[in-house]
All heavy atoms as atom14 arrays in JSON, in Angstrom:
{
  "sequence": "MGWFRQAPGKGREFVAGISWRGDGTNYAD",
  "atom14_mask": [
    [1, 1, 1, 1, 1, 1, 1, 1, 0, 0, 0, 0, 0, 0],
    [1, 1, 1, 1, 0, 0, 0, 0, 0, 0, 0, 0, 0, 0],
    [1, 1, 1, 1, 1, 1, 1, 1, 1, 1, 1, 1, 1, 1],
    [1, 1, 1, 1, 1, 1, 1, 1, 1, 1, 1, 0, 0, 0],
    [1, 1, 1, 1, 1, 1, 1, 1, 1, 1, 1, 0, 0, 0],
    [1, 1, 1, 1, 1, 1, 1, 1, 1, 0, 0, 0, 0, 0],
    [1, 1, 1, 1, 1, 0, 0, 0, 0, 0, 0, 0, 0, 0],
    [1, 1, 1, 1, 1, 1, 1, 0, 0, 0, 0, 0, 0, 0],
    [1, 1, 1, 1, 0, 0, 0, 0, 0, 0, 0, 0, 0, 0],
    [1, 1, 1, 1, 1, 1, 1, 1, 1, 0, 0, 0, 0, 0],
    [1, 1, 1, 1, 0, 0, 0, 0, 0, 0, 0, 0, 0, 0],
    [1, 1, 1, 1, 1, 1, 1, 1, 1, 1, 1, 0, 0, 0],
    [1, 1, 1, 1, 1, 1, 1, 1, 1, 0, 0, 0, 0, 0],
    [1, 1, 1, 1, 1, 1, 1, 1, 1, 1, 1, 0, 0, 0],
    [1, 1, 1, 1, 1, 1, 1, 0, 0, 0, 0, 0, 0, 0],
    [1, 1, 1, 1, 1, 0, 0, 0, 0, 0, 0, 0, 0, 0],
    [1, 1, 1, 1, 0, 0, 0, 0, 0, 0, 0, 0, 0, 0],
    [1, 1, 1, 1, 1, 1, 1, 1, 0, 0, 0, 0, 0, 0],
    [1, 1, 1, 1, 1, 1, 0, 0, 0, 0, 0, 0, 0, 0],
    [1, 1, 1, 1, 1, 1, 1, 1, 1, 1, 1, 1, 1, 1],
    [1, 1, 1, 1, 1, 1, 1, 1, 1, 1, 1, 0, 0, 0],
    [1, 1, 1, 1, 0, 0, 0, 0, 0, 0, 0, 0, 0, 0],
    [1, 1, 1, 1, 1, 1, 1, 1, 0, 0, 0, 0, 0, 0],
    [1, 1, 1, 1, 0, 0, 0, 0, 0, 0, 0, 0, 0, 0],
    [1, 1, 1, 1, 1, 1, 1, 0, 0, 0, 0, 0, 0, 0],
    [1, 1, 1, 1, 1, 1, 1, 1, 0, 0, 0, 0, 0, 0],
    [1, 1, 1, 1, 1, 1, 1, 1, 1, 1, 1, 1, 0, 0],
    [1, 1, 1, 1, 1, 0, 0, 0, 0, 0, 0, 0, 0, 0],
    [1, 1, 1, 1, 1, 1, 1, 1, 0, 0, 0, 0, 0, 0]
  ],
  "atom14_positions": [
    [[-3.31, 129.34, 50.91], [-2.66, 130.23, 49.98], [-3.66, 130.73, 48.94], [-4.53, 129.97, 48.51], [-1.48, 129.56, 49.3], [-0.4, 129.04, 50.25], [0.46, 130.4, 51.14], [1.25, 131.25, 49.84], [0.0, 0.0, 0.0], [0.0, 0.0, 0.0], [0.0, 0.0, 0.0], [0.0, 0.0, 0.0], [0.0, 0.0, 0.0], [0.0, 0.0, 0.0]],
    [[-3.49, 131.98, 48.53], [-4.37, 132.52, 47.52], [-3.64, 133.3, 46.51], [-2.49, 133.79, 46.71], [0.0, 0.0, 0.0], [0.0, 0.0, 0.0], [0.0, 0.0, 0.0], [0.0, 0.0, 0.0], [0.0, 0.0, 0.0], [0.0, 0.0, 0.0], [0.0, 0.0, 0.0], [0.0, 0.0, 0.0], [0.0, 0.0, 0.0], [0.0, 0.0, 0.0]],
    [[-4.25, 133.43, 45.36], [-3.81, 134.33, 44.29], [-4.84, 135.38, 44.05], [-6.05, 135.09, 43.92], [-3.55, 133.55, 42.98], [-2.32, 132.69, 42.95], [-2.25, 131.35, 43.2], [-1.0, 133.13, 42.66], [-0.99, 130.94, 43.05], [-0.17, 131.99, 42.78], [-0.42, 134.38, 42.34], [1.21, 132.07, 42.55], [0.95, 134.42, 42.14], [1.72, 133.27, 42.25]],
    [[-4.42, 136.61, 44.0], [-5.24, 137.74, 43.69], [-4.64, 138.5, 42.48], [-3.49, 138.3, 42.17], [-5.33, 138.71, 44.86], [-6.13, 138.16, 46.03], [-5.61, 137.19, 46.9], [-7.41, 138.62, 46.27], [-6.32, 136.69, 47.96], [-8.16, 138.13, 47.33], [-7.62, 137.17, 48.19], [0.0, 0.0, 0.0], [0.0, 0.0, 0.0], [0.0, 0.0, 0.0]],
    [[-5.45, 139.31, 41.86], [-4.91, 140.1, 40.75], [-5.55, 141.51, 40.8], [-6.64, 141.7, 41.3], [-5.14, 139.45, 39.41], [-6.63, 139.35, 39.01], [-6.76, 138.53, 37.71], [-8.1, 138.44, 37.21], [-8.49, 137.69, 36.22], [-7.63, 136.95, 35.58], [-9.77, 137.68, 35.85], [0.0, 0.0, 0.0], [0.0, 0.0, 0.0], [0.0, 0.0, 0.0]],
    [[-4.81, 142.43, 40.24], [-5.25, 143.79, 40.13], [-4.99, 144.34, 38.74], [-3.82, 144.47, 38.35], [-4.6, 144.68, 41.2], [-5.22, 146.06, 41.27], [-4.82, 146.76, 42.59], [-3.91, 146.34, 43.31], [-5.55, 147.81, 42.91], [0.0, 0.0, 0.0], [0.0, 0.0, 0.0], [0.0, 0.0, 0.0], [0.0, 0.0, 0.0], [0.0, 0.0, 0.0]],
    [[-6.04, 144.59, 37.98], [-5.93, 145.14, 36.66], [-5.93, 146.66, 36.72], [-6.37, 147.23, 37.74], [-7.08, 144.65, 35.81], [0.0, 0.0, 0.0], [0.0, 0.0, 0.0], [0.0, 0.0, 0.0], [0.0, 0.0, 0.0], [0.0, 0.0, 0.0], [0.0, 0.0, 0.0], [0.0, 0.0, 0.0], [0.0, 0.0, 0.0], [0.0, 0.0, 0.0]],
    [[-5.47, 147.33, 35.66], [-5.45, 148.84, 35.68], [-6.85, 149.39, 35.95], [-7.82, 149.0, 35.29], [-4.97, 149.16, 34.28], [-4.15, 147.98, 33.89], [-4.86, 146.81, 34.49], [0.0, 0.0, 0.0], [0.0, 0.0, 0.0], [0.0, 0.0, 0.0], [0.0, 0.0, 0.0], [0.0, 0.0, 0.0], [0.0, 0.0, 0.0], [0.0, 0.0, 0.0]],
    [[-6.93, 150.27, 36.9], [-8.19, 150.94, 37.24], [-9.16, 150.12, 37.98], [-10.3, 150.52, 38.26], [0.0, 0.0, 0.0], [0.0, 0.0, 0.0], [0.0, 0.0, 0.0], [0.0, 0.0, 0.0], [0.0, 0.0, 0.0], [0.0, 0.0, 0.0], [0.0, 0.0, 0.0], [0.0, 0.0, 0.0], [0.0, 0.0, 0.0], [0.0, 0.0, 0.0]],
    [[-8.77, 148.92, 38.45], [-9.63, 148.06, 39.2], [-9.02, 147.7, 40.58], [-7.85, 147.86, 40.83], [-9.92, 146.75, 38.48], [-10.62, 146.92, 37.12], [-10.89, 145.62, 36.46], [-11.65, 145.78, 35.17], [-11.9, 144.49, 34.49], [0.0, 0.0, 0.0], [0.0, 0.0, 0.0], [0.0, 0.0, 0.0], [0.0, 0.0, 0.0], [0.0, 0.0, 0.0]],
    [[-9.88, 147.22, 41.47], [-9.43, 146.78, 42.79], [-8.8, 145.4, 42.72], [-8.83, 144.71, 41.7], [0.0, 0.0, 0.0], [0.0, 0.0, 0.0], [0.0, 0.0, 0.0], [0.0, 0.0, 0.0], [0.0, 0.0, 0.0], [0.0, 0.0, 0.0], [0.0, 0.0, 0.0], [0.0, 0.0, 0.0], [0.0, 0.0, 0.0], [0.0, 0.0, 0.0]],
    [[-8.22, 145.02, 43.83], [-7.64, 143.69, 43.93], [-8.72, 142.63, 44.09], [-9.56, 142.7, 45.0], [-6.71, 143.64, 45.13], [-5.83, 142.41, 45.18], [-4.69, 142.54, 46.19], [-3.8, 143.64, 45.85], [-2.64, 143.89, 46.48], [-2.25, 143.13, 47.46], [-1.88, 144.93, 46.11], [0.0, 0.0, 0.0], [0.0, 0.0, 0.0], [0.0, 0.0, 0.0]],
    [[-8.73, 141.61, 43.18], [-9.77, 140.63, 43.16], [-9.2, 139.24, 43.36], [-8.12, 138.92, 42.91], [-10.58, 140.73, 41.87], [-9.82, 140.32, 40.62], [-10.7, 140.17, 39.39], [-11.95, 140.1, 39.53], [-10.17, 140.18, 38.29], [0.0, 0.0, 0.0], [0.0, 0.0, 0.0], [0.0, 0.0, 0.0], [0.0, 0.0, 0.0], [0.0, 0.0, 0.0]],
    [[-10.03, 138.43, 43.96], [-9.69, 137.01, 44.21], [-9.65, 136.21, 42.94], [-10.5, 136.37, 42.05], [-10.69, 136.42, 45.15], [-10.52, 134.91, 45.38], [-9.55, 134.45, 46.24], [-11.34, 134.04, 44.72], [-9.38, 133.1, 46.46], [-11.2, 132.65, 44.95], [-10.23, 132.2, 45.82], [0.0, 0.0, 0.0], [0.0, 0.0, 0.0], [0.0, 0.0, 0.0]],
    [[-8.65, 135.42, 42.78], [-8.52, 134.55, 41.6], [-8.68, 133.09, 41.98], [-9.49, 132.36, 41.36], [-7.14, 134.73, 40.9], [-6.99, 133.79, 39.7], [-7.01, 136.2, 40.43], [0.0, 0.0, 0.0], [0.0, 0.0, 0.0], [0.0, 0.0, 0.0], [0.0, 0.0, 0.0], [0.0, 0.0, 0.0], [0.0, 0.0, 0.0], [0.0, 0.0, 0.0]],
    [[-7.88, 132.6, 42.93], [-7.92, 131.21, 43.31], [-7.33, 131.04, 44.7], [-6.47, 131.84, 45.12], [-7.13, 130.36, 42.3], [0.0, 0.0, 0.0], [0.0, 0.0, 0.0], [0.0, 0.0, 0.0], [0.0, 0.0, 0.0], [0.0, 0.0, 0.0], [0.0, 0.0, 0.0], [0.0, 0.0, 0.0], [0.0, 0.0, 0.0], [0.0, 0.0, 0.0]],
    [[-7.78, 130.02, 45.41], [-7.28, 129.72, 46.71], [-7.12, 128.22, 46.93], [-7.83, 127.43, 46.25], [0.0, 0.0, 0.0], [0.0, 0.0, 0.0], [0.0, 0.0, 0.0], [0.0, 0.0, 0.0], [0.0, 0.0, 0.0], [0.0, 0.0, 0.0], [0.0, 0.0, 0.0], [0.0, 0.0, 0.0], [0.0, 0.0, 0.0], [0.0, 0.0, 0.0]],
    [[-6.25, 127.84, 47.83], [-6.03, 126.42, 48.13], [-5.83, 126.24, 49.64], [-5.16, 127.07, 50.28], [-4.84, 125.85, 47.31], [-4.72, 124.33, 47.49], [-3.52, 126.58, 47.71], [-3.8, 123.7, 46.44], [0.0, 0.0, 0.0], [0.0, 0.0, 0.0], [0.0, 0.0, 0.0], [0.0, 0.0, 0.0], [0.0, 0.0, 0.0], [0.0, 0.0, 0.0]],
    [[-6.43, 125.21, 50.15], [-6.38, 124.96, 51.61], [-4.96, 124.58, 52.05], [-4.09, 124.27, 51.22], [-7.34, 123.84, 51.99], [-6.93, 122.63, 51.42], [0.0, 0.0, 0.0], [0.0, 0.0, 0.0], [0.0, 0.0, 0.0], [0.0, 0.0, 0.0], [0.0, 0.0, 0.0], [0.0, 0.0, 0.0], [0.0, 0.0, 0.0], [0.0, 0.0, 0.0]],
    [[-4.77, 124.59, 53.36], [-3.43, 124.33, 53.9], [-2.91, 122.93, 53.53], [-1.71, 122.76, 53.37], [-3.42, 124.5, 55.45], [-4.29, 123.54, 56.18], [-5.61, 123.69, 56.5], [-3.87, 122.29, 56.73], [-6.05, 122.61, 57.22], [-5.03, 121.72, 57.35], [-2.69, 121.6, 56.75], [-4.97, 120.47, 58.0], [-2.65, 120.36, 57.4], [-3.8, 119.8, 58.03]],
    [[-3.8, 122.0, 53.41], [-3.41, 120.64, 53.06], [-3.47, 120.37, 51.54], [-2.99, 119.35, 51.1], [-4.32, 119.63, 53.79], [-3.83, 118.22, 53.78], [-4.39, 117.43, 54.91], [-5.85, 117.4, 54.89], [-6.65, 116.89, 55.86], [-6.07, 116.36, 56.97], [-7.96, 116.93, 55.75], [0.0, 0.0, 0.0], [0.0, 0.0, 0.0], [0.0, 0.0, 0.0]],
    [[-3.99, 121.3, 50.84], [-4.09, 121.14, 49.38], [-5.27, 120.36, 48.88], [-5.36, 120.04, 47.68], [0.0, 0.0, 0.0], [0.0, 0.0, 0.0], [0.0, 0.0, 0.0], [0.0, 0.0, 0.0], [0.0, 0.0, 0.0], [0.0, 0.0, 0.0], [0.0, 0.0, 0.0], [0.0, 0.0, 0.0], [0.0, 0.0, 0.0], [0.0, 0.0, 0.0]],
    [[-6.19, 120.01, 49.79], [-7.34, 119.16, 49.39], [-8.59, 120.0, 49.12], [-9.65, 119.39, 48.87], [-7.6, 118.14, 50.47], [-7.85, 118.72, 51.84], [-7.62, 119.93, 52.04], [-8.3, 117.97, 52.75], [0.0, 0.0, 0.0], [0.0, 0.0, 0.0], [0.0, 0.0, 0.0], [0.0, 0.0, 0.0], [0.0, 0.0, 0.0], [0.0, 0.0, 0.0]],
    [[-8.52, 121.28, 49.19], [-9.64, 122.13, 48.9], [-9.21, 123.33, 48.06], [-8.17, 123.92, 48.34], [0.0, 0.0, 0.0], [0.0, 0.0, 0.0], [0.0, 0.0, 0.0], [0.0, 0.0, 0.0], [0.0, 0.0, 0.0], [0.0, 0.0, 0.0], [0.0, 0.0, 0.0], [0.0, 0.0, 0.0], [0.0, 0.0, 0.0], [0.0, 0.0, 0.0]],
    [[-9.98, 123.68, 47.08], [-9.65, 124.8, 46.2], [-10.87, 125.64, 45.95], [-12.05, 125.18, 46.07], [-9.05, 124.35, 44.87], [-9.99, 123.5, 44.17], [-7.74, 123.62, 45.03], [0.0, 0.0, 0.0], [0.0, 0.0, 0.0], [0.0, 0.0, 0.0], [0.0, 0.0, 0.0], [0.0, 0.0, 0.0], [0.0, 0.0, 0.0], [0.0, 0.0, 0.0]],
    [[-10.68, 126.87, 45.59], [-11.74, 127.78, 45.2], [-11.26, 128.68, 44.1], [-10.12, 129.1, 44.07], [-12.2, 128.6, 46.44], [-13.54, 129.25, 46.25], [-14.25, 128.98, 45.3], [-13.86, 130.15, 47.18], [0.0, 0.0, 0.0], [0.0, 0.0, 0.0], [0.0, 0.0, 0.0], [0.0, 0.0, 0.0], [0.0, 0.0, 0.0], [0.0, 0.0, 0.0]],
    [[-12.16, 128.97, 43.13], [-11.83, 129.76, 41.98], [-12.9, 130.84, 41.72], [-14.06, 130.62, 41.95], [-11.71, 128.91, 40.72], [-10.61, 127.83, 40.77], [-10.89, 126.58, 41.23], [-9.32, 128.17, 40.35], [-9.89, 125.62, 41.25], [-8.34, 127.22, 40.4], [-8.63, 125.94, 40.85], [-7.61, 125.01, 40.86], [0.0, 0.0, 0.0], [0.0, 0.0, 0.0]],
    [[-12.39, 131.95, 41.22], [-13.32, 132.99, 40.73], [-14.01, 132.42, 39.46], [-13.42, 131.7, 38.69], [-12.57, 134.27, 40.39], [0.0, 0.0, 0.0], [0.0, 0.0, 0.0], [0.0, 0.0, 0.0], [0.0, 0.0, 0.0], [0.0, 0.0, 0.0], [0.0, 0.0, 0.0], [0.0, 0.0, 0.0], [0.0, 0.0, 0.0], [0.0, 0.0, 0.0]],
    [[-15.28, 132.83, 39.27], [-16.0, 132.35, 38.12], [-15.28, 132.73, 36.82], [-15.37, 131.97, 35.81], [-17.42, 132.93, 38.09], [-18.29, 132.32, 39.19], [-17.97, 131.26, 39.66], [-19.33, 132.95, 39.47], [0.0, 0.0, 0.0], [0.0, 0.0, 0.0], [0.0, 0.0, 0.0], [0.0, 0.0, 0.0], [0.0, 0.0, 0.0], [0.0, 0.0, 0.0]]
  ]
}
């Protein structure tokens, strides 16, 4: 599962993701 966001005038960007089991995550800087 992932979260993305889109601000006015910008493209859709990655925010955070989590693995299927929940034991791995990734975040935008």
